[in-house]
């Protein structure tokens, strides 16, 4: 079950504790920002590729994050 209204920091901590739903929520609550950024720097047709690569990086960084 996903907790609504959690901060990115809270979600990362939950993810690091093994809550995979927290990563999904982190992704969803930051998708709009990632999409806007991707659309500004590349062809709008290819923003999905940037989002996918960003998610892989986010997943890796969230595992290593130390608040």
PDB file of N, CA and C in Angstrom:
ATOM      1  N   UNK A   1       0.834  -1.179   0.000  1.00  0.00           N
ATOM      2  CA  UNK A   1       0.000   0.000   0.000  1.00  0.00           C
ATOM      3  C   UNK A   1       0.882   1.246   0.000  1.00  0.00           C
ATOM      4  N   UNK A   2       0.584   2.211  -0.881  1.00  0.00           N
ATOM      5  CA  UNK A   2       1.396   3.406  -0.976  1.00  0.00           C
ATOM      6  C   UNK A   2       0.863   4.493  -0.057  1.00  0.00           C
ATOM      7  N   UNK A   3       1.761   5.153   0.641  1.00  0.00           N
ATOM      8  CA  UNK A   3       1.433   6.271   1.503  1.00  0.00           C
ATOM      9  C   UNK A   3       1.387   7.536   0.650  1.00  0.00           C
ATOM     10  N   UNK A   4       0.320   8.308   0.768  1.00  0.00           N
ATOM     11  CA  UNK A   4       0.233   9.536  -0.029  1.00  0.00           C
ATOM     12  C   UNK A   4       0.844  10.694   0.756  1.00  0.00           C
ATOM     13  N   UNK A   5       1.378  11.663   0.034  1.00  0.00           N
ATOM     14  CA  UNK A   5       1.918  12.863   0.648  1.00  0.00           C
ATOM     15  C   UNK A   5       3.308  12.716   1.226  1.00  0.00           C
ATOM     16  N   UNK A   6       3.981  11.627   0.974  1.00  0.00           N
ATOM     17  CA  UNK A   6       5.329  11.422   1.493  1.00  0.00           C
ATOM     18  C   UNK A   6       6.321  12.266   0.701  1.00  0.00           C
ATOM     19  N   UNK A   7       7.363  12.732   1.386  1.00  0.00           N
ATOM     20  CA  UNK A   7       8.419  13.483   0.709  1.00  0.00           C
ATOM     21  C   UNK A   7       9.323  12.513  -0.042  1.00  0.00           C
ATOM     22  N   UNK A   8      10.108  13.053  -0.955  1.00  0.00           N
ATOM     23  CA  UNK A   8      11.073  12.213  -1.672  1.00  0.00           C
ATOM     24  C   UNK A   8      12.018  11.522  -0.693  1.00  0.00           C
ATOM     25  N   UNK A   9      12.460  12.253   0.325  1.00  0.00           N
ATOM     26  CA  UNK A   9      13.377  11.688   1.309  1.00  0.00           C
ATOM     27  C   UNK A   9      12.738  10.521   2.056  1.00  0.00           C
ATOM     28  N   UNK A  10      11.472  10.672   2.436  1.00  0.00           N
ATOM     29  CA  UNK A  10      10.764   9.587   3.123  1.00  0.00           C
ATOM     30  C   UNK A  10      10.626   8.362   2.216  1.00  0.00           C
ATOM     31  N   UNK A  11      10.310   8.628   0.958  1.00  0.00           N
ATOM     32  CA  UNK A  11      10.147   7.525   0.014  1.00  0.00           C
ATOM     33  C   UNK A  11      11.457   6.785  -0.221  1.00  0.00           C
ATOM     34  N   UNK A  12      12.558   7.524  -0.316  1.00  0.00           N
ATOM     35  CA  UNK A  12      13.863   6.886  -0.497  1.00  0.00           C
ATOM     36  C   UNK A  12      14.192   6.028   0.720  1.00  0.00           C
ATOM     37  N   UNK A  13      13.926   6.542   1.914  1.00  0.00           N
ATOM     38  CA  UNK A  13      14.194   5.766   3.130  1.00  0.00           C
ATOM     39  C   UNK A  13      13.355   4.490   3.156  1.00  0.00           C
ATOM     40  N   UNK A  14      12.100   4.593   2.777  1.00  0.00           N
ATOM     41  CA  UNK A  14      11.229   3.410   2.740  1.00  0.00           C
ATOM     42  C   UNK A  14      11.714   2.411   1.692  1.00  0.00           C
ATOM     43  N   UNK A  15      12.137   2.929   0.534  1.00  0.00           N
ATOM     44  CA  UNK A  15      12.664   2.059  -0.516  1.00  0.00           C
ATOM     45  C   UNK A  15      13.902   1.322  -0.023  1.00  0.00           C
ATOM     46  N   UNK A  16      14.797   2.055   0.629  1.00  0.00           N
ATOM     47  CA  UNK A  16      16.020   1.435   1.141  1.00  0.00           C
ATOM     48  C   UNK A  16      15.712   0.369   2.188  1.00  0.00           C
ATOM     49  N   UNK A  17      14.573   0.507   2.853  1.00  0.00           N
ATOM     50  CA  UNK A  17      14.164  -0.483   3.848  1.00  0.00           C
ATOM     51  C   UNK A  17      13.439  -1.671   3.207  1.00  0.00           C
ATOM     52  N   UNK A  18      13.318  -1.652   1.879  1.00  0.00           N
ATOM     53  CA  UNK A  18      12.735  -2.779   1.166  1.00  0.00           C
ATOM     54  C   UNK A  18      11.331  -2.563   0.628  1.00  0.00           C
ATOM     55  N   UNK A  19      10.789  -1.361   0.747  1.00  0.00           N
ATOM     56  CA  UNK A  19       9.434  -1.063   0.273  1.00  0.00           C
ATOM     57  C   UNK A  19       9.475  -0.681  -1.202  1.00  0.00           C
ATOM     58  N   UNK A  20       9.209  -1.647  -2.078  1.00  0.00           N
ATOM     59  CA  UNK A  20       9.252  -1.382  -3.515  1.00  0.00           C
ATOM     60  C   UNK A  20       8.133  -0.449  -3.958  1.00  0.00           C
ATOM     61  N   UNK A  21       7.017  -0.429  -3.250  1.00  0.00           N
ATOM     62  CA  UNK A  21       5.945   0.508  -3.578  1.00  0.00           C
ATOM     63  C   UNK A  21       6.398   1.953  -3.407  1.00  0.00           C
ATOM     64  N   UNK A  22       7.321   2.181  -2.485  1.00  0.00           N
ATOM     65  CA  UNK A  22       7.841   3.534  -2.263  1.00  0.00           C
ATOM     66  C   UNK A  22       8.583   4.028  -3.504  1.00  0.00           C
ATOM     67  N   UNK A  23       9.320   3.133  -4.168  1.00  0.00           N
ATOM     68  CA  UNK A  23      10.012   3.548  -5.391  1.00  0.00           C
ATOM     69  C   UNK A  23       9.008   3.911  -6.477  1.00  0.00           C
ATOM     70  N   UNK A  24       7.947   3.139  -6.594  1.00  0.00           N
ATOM     71  CA  UNK A  24       6.921   3.451  -7.587  1.00  0.00           C
ATOM     72  C   UNK A  24       6.296   4.817  -7.312  1.00  0.00           C
ATOM     73  N   UNK A  25       6.029   5.101  -6.052  1.00  0.00           N
ATOM     74  CA  UNK A  25       5.460   6.400  -5.705  1.00  0.00           C
ATOM     75  C   UNK A  25       6.461   7.520  -5.981  1.00  0.00           C
ATOM     76  N   UNK A  26       7.727   7.297  -5.665  1.00  0.00           N
ATOM     77  CA  UNK A  26       8.773   8.281  -5.954  1.00  0.00           C
ATOM     78  C   UNK A  26       8.807   8.584  -7.443  1.00  0.00           C
ATOM     79  N   UNK A  27       8.744   7.545  -8.251  1.00  0.00           N
ATOM     80  CA  UNK A  27       8.712   7.699  -9.703  1.00  0.00           C
ATOM     81  C   UNK A  27       7.491   8.517 -10.134  1.00  0.00           C
ATOM     82  N   UNK A  28       6.336   8.119  -9.654  1.00  0.00           N
ATOM     83  CA  UNK A  28       5.103   8.784 -10.079  1.00  0.00           C
ATOM     84  C   UNK A  28       5.046  10.251  -9.664  1.00  0.00           C
ATOM     85  N   UNK A  29       5.512  10.568  -8.464  1.00  0.00           N
ATOM     86  CA  UNK A  29       5.394  11.956  -8.039  1.00  0.00           C
ATOM     87  C   UNK A  29       6.452  12.866  -8.668  1.00  0.00           C
ATOM     88  N   UNK A  30       7.450  12.272  -9.324  1.00  0.00           N
ATOM     89  CA  UNK A  30       8.464  13.070 -10.010  1.00  0.00           C
ATOM     90  C   UNK A  30       8.390  12.967 -11.525  1.00  0.00           C
ATOM     91  N   UNK A  31       7.453  12.179 -12.049  1.00  0.00           N
ATOM     92  CA  UNK A  31       7.348  11.969 -13.491  1.00  0.00           C
ATOM     93  C   UNK A  31       7.094  13.270 -14.255  1.00  0.00           C
ATOM     94  N   UNK A  32       6.231  14.112 -13.760  1.00  0.00           N
ATOM     95  CA  UNK A  32       5.928  15.366 -14.454  1.00  0.00           C
ATOM     96  C   UNK A  32       7.164  16.239 -14.614  1.00  0.00           C
ATOM     97  N   UNK A  33       7.947  16.346 -13.563  1.00  0.00           N
ATOM     98  CA  UNK A  33       9.176  17.135 -13.613  1.00  0.00           C
ATOM     99  C   UNK A  33      10.171  16.534 -14.594  1.00  0.00           C
ATOM    100  N   UNK A  34      10.319  15.214 -14.544  1.00  0.00           N
ATOM    101  CA  UNK A  34      11.217  14.550 -15.487  1.00  0.00           C
ATOM    102  C   UNK A  34      10.765  14.746 -16.930  1.00  0.00           C
ATOM    103  N   UNK A  35       9.470  14.654 -17.154  1.00  0.00           N
ATOM    104  CA  UNK A  35       8.943  14.825 -18.512  1.00  0.00           C
ATOM    105  C   UNK A  35       9.208  16.236 -19.023  1.00  0.00           C
ATOM    106  N   UNK A  36       8.950  17.249 -18.201  1.00  0.00           N
ATOM    107  CA  UNK A  36       9.196  18.641 -18.613  1.00  0.00           C
ATOM    108  C   UNK A  36      10.664  18.850 -18.955  1.00  0.00           C
ATOM    109  N   UNK A  37      11.543  18.324 -18.110  1.00  0.00           N
ATOM    110  CA  UNK A  37      12.977  18.457 -18.349  1.00  0.00           C
ATOM    111  C   UNK A  37      13.369  17.781 -19.651  1.00  0.00           C
ATOM    112  N   UNK A  38      12.909  16.553 -19.847  1.00  0.00           N
ATOM    113  CA  UNK A  38      13.252  15.798 -21.057  1.00  0.00           C
ATOM    114  C   UNK A  38      12.739  16.493 -22.314  1.00  0.00           C
ATOM    115  N   UNK A  39      11.520  17.022 -22.262  1.00  0.00           N
ATOM    116  CA  UNK A  39      10.956  17.690 -23.433  1.00  0.00           C
ATOM    117  C   UNK A  39      11.738  18.941 -23.806  1.00  0.00           C
ATOM    118  N   UNK A  40      12.352  19.599 -22.822  1.00  0.00           N
ATOM    119  CA  UNK A  40      13.108  20.813 -23.104  1.00  0.00           C
ATOM    120  C   UNK A  40      14.459  20.532 -23.741  1.00  0.00           C
ATOM    121  N   UNK A  41      15.024  19.348 -23.445  1.00  0.00           N
ATOM    122  CA  UNK A  41      16.382  19.106 -23.938  1.00  0.00           C
ATOM    123  C   UNK A  41      16.458  18.203 -25.156  1.00  0.00           C
ATOM    124  N   UNK A  42      15.369  17.513 -25.484  1.00  0.00           N
ATOM    125  CA  UNK A  42      15.409  16.606 -26.632  1.00  0.00           C
ATOM    126  C   UNK A  42      14.126  16.691 -27.439  1.00  0.00           C
ATOM    127  N   UNK A  43      14.132  16.003 -28.549  1.00  0.00           N
ATOM    128  CA  UNK A  43      12.956  15.888 -29.388  1.00  0.00           C
ATOM    129  C   UNK A  43      11.820  15.269 -28.577  1.00  0.00           C
ATOM    130  N   UNK A  44      10.647  15.868 -28.596  1.00  0.00           N
ATOM    131  CA  UNK A  44       9.526  15.395 -27.793  1.00  0.00           C
ATOM    132  C   UNK A  44       9.160  13.947 -28.075  1.00  0.00           C
ATOM    133  N   UNK A  45       9.473  13.445 -29.241  1.00  0.00           N
ATOM    134  CA  UNK A  45       9.152  12.059 -29.569  1.00  0.00           C
ATOM    135  C   UNK A  45      10.013  11.074 -28.779  1.00  0.00           C
ATOM    136  N   UNK A  46      11.159  11.511 -28.287  1.00  0.00           N
ATOM    137  CA  UNK A  46      12.098  10.612 -27.623  1.00  0.00           C
ATOM    138  C   UNK A  46      12.135  10.768 -26.108  1.00  0.00           C
ATOM    139  N   UNK A  47      11.224  11.519 -25.519  1.00  0.00           N
ATOM    140  CA  UNK A  47      11.300  11.753 -24.078  1.00  0.00           C
ATOM    141  C   UNK A  47      11.120  10.475 -23.284  1.00  0.00           C
ATOM    142  N   UNK A  48      10.425   9.494 -23.827  1.00  0.00           N
ATOM    143  CA  UNK A  48      10.247   8.228 -23.112  1.00  0.00           C
ATOM    144  C   UNK A  48      11.586   7.542 -22.833  1.00  0.00           C
ATOM    145  N   UNK A  49      12.512   7.624 -23.782  1.00  0.00           N
ATOM    146  CA  UNK A  49      13.829   7.025 -23.597  1.00  0.00           C
ATOM    147  C   UNK A  49      14.581   7.692 -22.447  1.00  0.00           C
ATOM    148  N   UNK A  50      14.505   9.011 -22.384  1.00  0.00           N
ATOM    149  CA  UNK A  50      15.173   9.747 -21.314  1.00  0.00           C
ATOM    150  C   UNK A  50      14.554   9.386 -19.968  1.00  0.00           C
ATOM    151  N   UNK A  51      13.235   9.291 -19.919  1.00  0.00           N
ATOM    152  CA  UNK A  51      12.546   8.936 -18.674  1.00  0.00           C
ATOM    153  C   UNK A  51      12.970   7.537 -18.228  1.00  0.00           C
ATOM    154  N   UNK A  52      13.033   6.605 -19.142  1.00  0.00           N
ATOM    155  CA  UNK A  52      13.436   5.236 -18.796  1.00  0.00           C
ATOM    156  C   UNK A  52      14.849   5.203 -18.227  1.00  0.00           C
ATOM    157  N   UNK A  53      15.755   5.885 -18.885  1.00  0.00           N
ATOM    158  CA  UNK A  53      17.138   5.931 -18.408  1.00  0.00           C
ATOM    159  C   UNK A  53      17.221   6.640 -17.055  1.00  0.00           C
ATOM    160  N   UNK A  54      16.442   7.693 -16.894  1.00  0.00           N
ATOM    161  CA  UNK A  54      16.421   8.417 -15.618  1.00  0.00           C
ATOM    162  C   UNK A  54      15.916   7.537 -14.495  1.00  0.00           C
ATOM    163  N   UNK A  55      14.926   6.706 -14.772  1.00  0.00           N
ATOM    164  CA  UNK A  55      14.394   5.814 -13.745  1.00  0.00           C
ATOM    165  C   UNK A  55      15.425   4.795 -13.302  1.00  0.00           C
ATOM    166  N   UNK A  56      16.205   4.284 -14.229  1.00  0.00           N
ATOM    167  CA  UNK A  56      17.266   3.351 -13.859  1.00  0.00           C
ATOM    168  C   UNK A  56      18.288   4.038 -12.955  1.00  0.00           C
ATOM    169  N   UNK A  57      18.627   5.266 -13.293  1.00  0.00           N
ATOM    170  CA  UNK A  57      19.567   6.032 -12.481  1.00  0.00           C
ATOM    171  C   UNK A  57      18.961   6.342 -11.118  1.00  0.00           C
ATOM    172  N   UNK A  58      17.692   6.748 -11.095  1.00  0.00           N
ATOM    173  CA  UNK A  58      16.999   7.038  -9.840  1.00  0.00           C
ATOM    174  C   UNK A  58      16.980   5.809  -8.944  1.00  0.00           C
ATOM    175  N   UNK A  59      16.674   4.645  -9.507  1.00  0.00           N
ATOM    176  CA  UNK A  59      16.629   3.403  -8.744  1.00  0.00           C
ATOM    177  C   UNK A  59      17.992   3.131  -8.102  1.00  0.00           C
ATOM    178  N   UNK A  60      19.047   3.274  -8.886  1.00  0.00           N
ATOM    179  CA  UNK A  60      20.393   3.023  -8.383  1.00  0.00           C
ATOM    180  C   UNK A  60      20.787   4.035  -7.304  1.00  0.00           C
ATOM    181  N   UNK A  61      20.509   5.306  -7.545  1.00  0.00           N
ATOM    182  CA  UNK A  61      20.851   6.348  -6.568  1.00  0.00           C
ATOM    183  C   UNK A  61      20.047   6.212  -5.283  1.00  0.00           C
ATOM    184  N   UNK A  62      18.778   5.849  -5.402  1.00  0.00           N
ATOM    185  CA  UNK A  62      17.940   5.699  -4.219  1.00  0.00           C
ATOM    186  C   UNK A  62      18.451   4.557  -3.337  1.00  0.00           C
ATOM    187  N   UNK A  63      18.982   3.507  -3.945  1.00  0.00           N
ATOM    188  CA  UNK A  63      19.544   2.402  -3.168  1.00  0.00           C
ATOM    189  C   UNK A  63      20.773   2.848  -2.381  1.00  0.00           C
ATOM    190  N   UNK A  64      21.534   3.780  -2.943  1.00  0.00           N
ATOM    191  CA  UNK A  64      22.792   4.208  -2.341  1.00  0.00           C
ATOM    192  C   UNK A  64      22.667   5.452  -1.466  1.00  0.00           C
ATOM    193  N   UNK A  65      21.530   6.130  -1.525  1.00  0.00           N
ATOM    194  CA  UNK A  65      21.339   7.399  -0.825  1.00  0.00           C
ATOM    195  C   UNK A  65      21.548   7.241   0.676  1.00  0.00           C
ATOM    196  N   UNK A  66      22.228   8.202   1.282  1.00  0.00           N
ATOM    197  CA  UNK A  66      22.453   8.194   2.729  1.00  0.00           C
ATOM    198  C   UNK A  66      22.075   9.573   3.265  1.00  0.00           C
ATOM    199  N   UNK A  67      20.898   9.659   3.862  1.00  0.00           N
ATOM    200  CA  UNK A  67      20.398  10.950   4.356  1.00  0.00           C
ATOM    201  C   UNK A  67      21.057  11.340   5.656  1.00  0.00           C
TER     202      UNK A  67
END
